[in-house]
Amino acid sequence: MSTTLRPATIEDAAQVAEVLLSSRRVFLPYAPLAHTDAAVRRWVREPLIPSGGVTVACVGGEVVGVLAIARESNVSWINQLYVAPGHTGQGIGTRLLAHALSSLEGPVRLYTFQANTGARSFYERHGFKAIAFGDGTGNEEHCPDVLYERDAQSSRSA
C-alpha cells in the first residue's frame, strides 16, 4: 500500500497524538513523558495542528507518520518527526524528512536524545551533523540531548 503525505487537519488530531504517544513509549522508554496523554492530545489539537507546518504520512487512510516544521529567525527547525511503531523501516521517515528539507531554508536544526541511537544514525545518514550536546537540563524529559544541523548548502541539495 502506498504512503501519501498531506497537510494535517484538525480531524487528524487524535491519530497524530497516537503516533506521538505510541512512538515515544515504544522507541524512547528511557525518556519519561513530561505530560499526560490528555495534555498531549490537547496540545496536538489546539496549538500544534492549527499553527501549520504539520504534515502527516498516511497509509490506507491511517496516519502513520508526523512531521512538524517551523522557521525562527535565520534557522529552520524540525520540531517533530515520528513514525508509528509497526511502520518503521518502510521509508516513511525518509519521505517526511525529504519533504521537510524541500520545504525549509537552511540551516535546518533539530534535537534528539543522545540515547536515541536509531534517530541519530538516521539524521547523520541524511547529512545532519551534531553541533552541541546537552545534559538534559534544557528539555522537559531531563534526558541528555544533541542538537543537529544540516547546513544551507546540504539542505538545498536534498
C-alpha atoms as a PDB file:
ATOM      1  CA  MET A   1       0.000   0.000   0.000  1.00  0.00           C
ATOM      2  CA  SER A   2       1.367   3.437  -0.885  1.00  0.00           C
ATOM      3  CA  THR A   3       2.159   6.243   1.517  1.00  0.00           C
ATOM      4  CA  THR A   4       0.778   9.716   0.912  1.00  0.00           C
ATOM      5  CA  LEU A   5       1.918  12.949   2.516  1.00  0.00           C
ATOM      6  CA  ARG A   6      -0.510  15.792   3.143  1.00  0.00           C
ATOM      7  CA  PRO A   7      -1.008  18.739   5.487  1.00  0.00           C
ATOM      8  CA  ALA A   8      -2.511  17.728   8.819  1.00  0.00           C
ATOM      9  CA  THR A   9      -6.063  18.809   9.567  1.00  0.00           C
ATOM     10  CA  ILE A  10      -7.812  19.122  12.892  1.00  0.00           C
ATOM     11  CA  GLU A  11      -9.620  15.874  12.050  1.00  0.00           C
ATOM     12  CA  ASP A  12      -6.223  14.146  12.225  1.00  0.00           C
ATOM     13  CA  ALA A  13      -5.535  15.290  15.797  1.00  0.00           C
ATOM     14  CA  ALA A  14      -6.413  12.027  17.553  1.00  0.00           C
ATOM     15  CA  GLN A  15      -4.303   9.935  15.163  1.00  0.00           C
ATOM     16  CA  VAL A  16      -1.390  12.404  15.271  1.00  0.00           C
ATOM     17  CA  ALA A  17      -1.406  12.284  19.073  1.00  0.00           C
ATOM     18  CA  GLU A  18      -1.490   8.486  18.982  1.00  0.00           C
ATOM     19  CA  VAL A  19       1.566   8.367  16.684  1.00  0.00           C
ATOM     20  CA  LEU A  20       3.465  10.683  19.026  1.00  0.00           C
ATOM     21  CA  LEU A  21       2.461   8.840  22.195  1.00  0.00           C
ATOM     22  CA  SER A  22       2.960   5.299  20.897  1.00  0.00           C
ATOM     23  CA  SER A  23       6.305   6.159  19.277  1.00  0.00           C
ATOM     24  CA  ARG A  24       7.582   7.732  22.473  1.00  0.00           C
ATOM     25  CA  ARG A  25       6.548   4.720  24.554  1.00  0.00           C
ATOM     26  CA  VAL A  26       7.998   2.113  22.190  1.00  0.00           C
ATOM     27  CA  PHE A  27      11.144   3.825  20.912  1.00  0.00           C
ATOM     28  CA  LEU A  28      12.067   6.143  23.802  1.00  0.00           C
ATOM     29  CA  PRO A  29      11.306   4.207  27.006  1.00  0.00           C
ATOM     30  CA  TYR A  30      14.195   5.959  28.791  1.00  0.00           C
ATOM     31  CA  ALA A  31      12.611   9.401  28.254  1.00  0.00           C
ATOM     32  CA  PRO A  32       9.641   9.842  30.583  1.00  0.00           C
ATOM     33  CA  LEU A  33       6.667  11.660  29.103  1.00  0.00           C
ATOM     34  CA  ALA A  34       6.602  15.137  30.626  1.00  0.00           C
ATOM     35  CA  HIS A  35       2.838  15.489  30.065  1.00  0.00           C
ATOM     36  CA  THR A  36      -0.219  13.303  30.465  1.00  0.00           C
ATOM     37  CA  ASP A  37      -1.753  11.646  27.417  1.00  0.00           C
ATOM     38  CA  ALA A  38      -4.705  14.059  27.710  1.00  0.00           C
ATOM     39  CA  ALA A  39      -2.358  17.053  27.719  1.00  0.00           C
ATOM     40  CA  VAL A  40      -0.535  15.751  24.623  1.00  0.00           C
ATOM     41  CA  ARG A  41      -3.848  15.237  22.818  1.00  0.00           C
ATOM     42  CA  ARG A  42      -4.943  18.776  23.730  1.00  0.00           C
ATOM     43  CA  TRP A  43      -1.575  20.210  22.610  1.00  0.00           C
ATOM     44  CA  VAL A  44      -1.854  18.441  19.240  1.00  0.00           C
ATOM     45  CA  ARG A  45      -5.457  19.597  18.760  1.00  0.00           C
ATOM     46  CA  GLU A  46      -5.050  23.189  19.909  1.00  0.00           C
ATOM     47  CA  PRO A  47      -1.690  24.743  19.202  1.00  0.00           C
ATOM     48  CA  LEU A  48       0.217  22.176  17.107  1.00  0.00           C
ATOM     49  CA  ILE A  49      -2.042  21.440  14.130  1.00  0.00           C
ATOM     50  CA  PRO A  50      -3.658  24.903  13.909  1.00  0.00           C
ATOM     51  CA  SER A  51      -0.211  26.539  13.879  1.00  0.00           C
ATOM     52  CA  GLY A  52       0.505  24.970  10.471  1.00  0.00           C
ATOM     53  CA  GLY A  53       3.697  23.276   9.416  1.00  0.00           C
ATOM     54  CA  VAL A  54       2.399  19.800  10.293  1.00  0.00           C
ATOM     55  CA  THR A  55       2.474  17.082   7.639  1.00  0.00           C
ATOM     56  CA  VAL A  56       1.112  13.582   8.052  1.00  0.00           C
ATOM     57  CA  ALA A  57       2.097  10.382   6.268  1.00  0.00           C
ATOM     58  CA  CYS A  58      -0.914   8.166   5.615  1.00  0.00           C
ATOM     59  CA  VAL A  59      -1.218   4.537   4.596  1.00  0.00           C
ATOM     60  CA  GLY A  60      -4.710   3.424   3.704  1.00  0.00           C
ATOM     61  CA  GLY A  61      -6.213   6.499   5.345  1.00  0.00           C
ATOM     62  CA  GLU A  62      -4.384   5.870   8.645  1.00  0.00           C
ATOM     63  CA  VAL A  63      -1.884   8.440   9.959  1.00  0.00           C
ATOM     64  CA  VAL A  64       1.397   6.564  10.414  1.00  0.00           C
ATOM     65  CA  GLY A  65       3.903   9.433  10.463  1.00  0.00           C
ATOM     66  CA  VAL A  66       4.051  13.023  11.679  1.00  0.00           C
ATOM     67  CA  LEU A  67       6.330  15.912  10.780  1.00  0.00           C
ATOM     68  CA  ALA A  68       6.214  19.385  12.337  1.00  0.00           C
ATOM     69  CA  ILE A  69       8.461  22.152  10.993  1.00  0.00           C
ATOM     70  CA  ALA A  70       8.975  25.816  11.790  1.00  0.00           C
ATOM     71  CA  ARG A  71      11.141  28.776  10.842  1.00  0.00           C
ATOM     72  CA  GLU A  72      12.671  31.039  13.516  1.00  0.00           C
ATOM     73  CA  SER A  73      14.937  33.935  12.617  1.00  0.00           C
ATOM     74  CA  ASN A  74      17.547  32.536  10.237  1.00  0.00           C
ATOM     75  CA  VAL A  75      17.121  28.888  11.251  1.00  0.00           C
ATOM     76  CA  SER A  76      14.574  26.264  10.230  1.00  0.00           C
ATOM     77  CA  TRP A  77      13.519  23.567  12.680  1.00  0.00           C
ATOM     78  CA  ILE A  78      12.222  20.039  12.536  1.00  0.00           C
ATOM     79  CA  ASN A  79      10.286  20.016  15.794  1.00  0.00           C
ATOM     80  CA  GLN A  80       8.643  16.594  15.473  1.00  0.00           C
ATOM     81  CA  LEU A  81       9.360  13.607  13.241  1.00  0.00           C
ATOM     82  CA  TYR A  82       7.750  10.373  14.379  1.00  0.00           C
ATOM     83  CA  VAL A  83       6.754   7.171  12.609  1.00  0.00           C
ATOM     84  CA  ALA A  84       4.269   4.830  14.271  1.00  0.00           C
ATOM     85  CA  PRO A  85       5.517   1.520  15.634  1.00  0.00           C
ATOM     86  CA  GLY A  86       4.949  -1.159  13.031  1.00  0.00           C
ATOM     87  CA  HIS A  87       5.586   1.272  10.180  1.00  0.00           C
ATOM     88  CA  THR A  88       9.293   1.970  10.621  1.00  0.00           C
ATOM     89  CA  GLY A  89      11.827   0.726   8.097  1.00  0.00           C
ATOM     90  CA  GLN A  90       9.482   1.389   5.170  1.00  0.00           C
ATOM     91  CA  GLY A  91      10.902   4.738   4.044  1.00  0.00           C
ATOM     92  CA  ILE A  92       8.201   6.844   5.713  1.00  0.00           C
ATOM     93  CA  GLY A  93      10.644   8.774   7.883  1.00  0.00           C
ATOM     94  CA  THR A  94      12.894   9.371   4.868  1.00  0.00           C
ATOM     95  CA  ARG A  95       9.955  10.742   2.867  1.00  0.00           C
ATOM     96  CA  LEU A  96       8.917  13.036   5.708  1.00  0.00           C
ATOM     97  CA  LEU A  97      12.494  14.260   6.136  1.00  0.00           C
ATOM     98  CA  ALA A  98      12.856  14.888   2.387  1.00  0.00           C
ATOM     99  CA  HIS A  99       9.596  16.837   2.474  1.00  0.00           C
ATOM    100  CA  ALA A 100      10.912  18.948   5.356  1.00  0.00           C
ATOM    101  CA  LEU A 101      14.214  19.639   3.634  1.00  0.00           C
ATOM    102  CA  SER A 102      12.472  20.643   0.397  1.00  0.00           C
ATOM    103  CA  SER A 103      10.176  22.994   2.349  1.00  0.00           C
ATOM    104  CA  LEU A 104      12.733  24.673   4.598  1.00  0.00           C
ATOM    105  CA  GLU A 105      15.593  27.078   4.040  1.00  0.00           C
ATOM    106  CA  GLY A 106      18.861  26.053   5.629  1.00  0.00           C
ATOM    107  CA  PRO A 107      20.323  25.738   8.036  1.00  0.00           C
ATOM    108  CA  VAL A 108      17.897  23.134   9.409  1.00  0.00           C
ATOM    109  CA  ARG A 109      18.191  22.096  13.039  1.00  0.00           C
ATOM    110  CA  LEU A 110      16.615  19.512  15.304  1.00  0.00           C
ATOM    111  CA  TYR A 111      17.087  17.974  18.705  1.00  0.00           C
ATOM    112  CA  THR A 112      17.062  14.319  19.624  1.00  0.00           C
ATOM    113  CA  PHE A 113      18.065  12.441  22.727  1.00  0.00           C
ATOM    114  CA  GLN A 114      21.656  11.230  22.919  1.00  0.00           C
ATOM    115  CA  ALA A 115      20.390   7.734  23.760  1.00  0.00           C
ATOM    116  CA  ASN A 116      18.232   7.633  20.611  1.00  0.00           C
ATOM    117  CA  THR A 117      20.864   5.906  18.503  1.00  0.00           C
ATOM    118  CA  GLY A 118      18.378   4.978  15.774  1.00  0.00           C
ATOM    119  CA  ALA A 119      17.361   8.590  15.209  1.00  0.00           C
ATOM    120  CA  ARG A 120      20.938   9.795  15.449  1.00  0.00           C
ATOM    121  CA  SER A 121      22.069   7.336  12.761  1.00  0.00           C
ATOM    122  CA  PHE A 122      19.073   8.280  10.595  1.00  0.00           C
ATOM    123  CA  TYR A 123      19.822  12.019  10.735  1.00  0.00           C
ATOM    124  CA  GLU A 124      23.563  11.526  10.255  1.00  0.00           C
ATOM    125  CA  ARG A 125      22.898   9.389   7.146  1.00  0.00           C
ATOM    126  CA  HIS A 126      20.904  12.329   5.803  1.00  0.00           C
ATOM    127  CA  GLY A 127      23.667  14.896   6.243  1.00  0.00           C
ATOM    128  CA  PHE A 128      22.986  16.268   9.725  1.00  0.00           C
ATOM    129  CA  LYS A 129      25.961  16.994  11.971  1.00  0.00           C
ATOM    130  CA  ALA A 130      25.939  17.145  15.768  1.00  0.00           C
ATOM    131  CA  ILE A 131      26.763  20.707  16.817  1.00  0.00           C
ATOM    132  CA  ALA A 132      26.006  20.692  20.563  1.00  0.00           C
ATOM    133  CA  PHE A 133      25.395  18.208  23.353  1.00  0.00           C
ATOM    134  CA  GLY A 134      23.189  18.990  26.345  1.00  0.00           C
ATOM    135  CA  ASP A 135      22.962  17.395  29.770  1.00  0.00           C
ATOM    136  CA  GLY A 136      19.142  17.317  29.794  1.00  0.00           C
ATOM    137  CA  THR A 137      18.576  20.477  31.777  1.00  0.00           C
ATOM    138  CA  GLY A 138      17.227  22.167  28.643  1.00  0.00           C
ATOM    139  CA  ASN A 139      14.381  19.728  27.933  1.00  0.00           C
ATOM    140  CA  GLU A 140      11.259  18.634  29.769  1.00  0.00           C
ATOM    141  CA  GLU A 141      12.319  14.998  29.985  1.00  0.00           C
ATOM    142  CA  HIS A 142      15.686  15.875  31.592  1.00  0.00           C
ATOM    143  CA  CYS A 143      17.457  13.455  29.231  1.00  0.00           C
ATOM    144  CA  PRO A 144      20.788  14.325  27.619  1.00  0.00           C
ATOM    145  CA  ASP A 145      20.170  15.629  24.117  1.00  0.00           C
ATOM    146  CA  VAL A 146      22.048  16.513  20.966  1.00  0.00           C
ATOM    147  CA  LEU A 147      21.446  19.433  18.623  1.00  0.00           C
ATOM    148  CA  TYR A 148      21.865  18.550  14.951  1.00  0.00           C
ATOM    149  CA  GLU A 149      22.222  20.873  11.981  1.00  0.00           C
ATOM    150  CA  ARG A 150      22.207  20.452   8.258  1.00  0.00           C
ATOM    151  CA  ASP A 151      23.695  23.498   6.584  1.00  0.00           C
ATOM    152  CA  ALA A 152      22.023  25.575   3.891  1.00  0.00           C
ATOM    153  CA  GLN A 153      24.143  24.029   1.115  1.00  0.00           C
ATOM    154  CA  SER A 154      23.211  20.455   2.108  1.00  0.00           C
ATOM    155  CA  SER A 155      19.533  21.356   2.579  1.00  0.00           C
ATOM    156  CA  ARG A 156      19.283  22.767  -0.936  1.00  0.00           C
ATOM    157  CA  SER A 157      20.730  19.582  -2.414  1.00  0.00           C
ATOM    158  CA  ALA A 158      18.325  17.238  -0.614  1.00  0.00           C
END
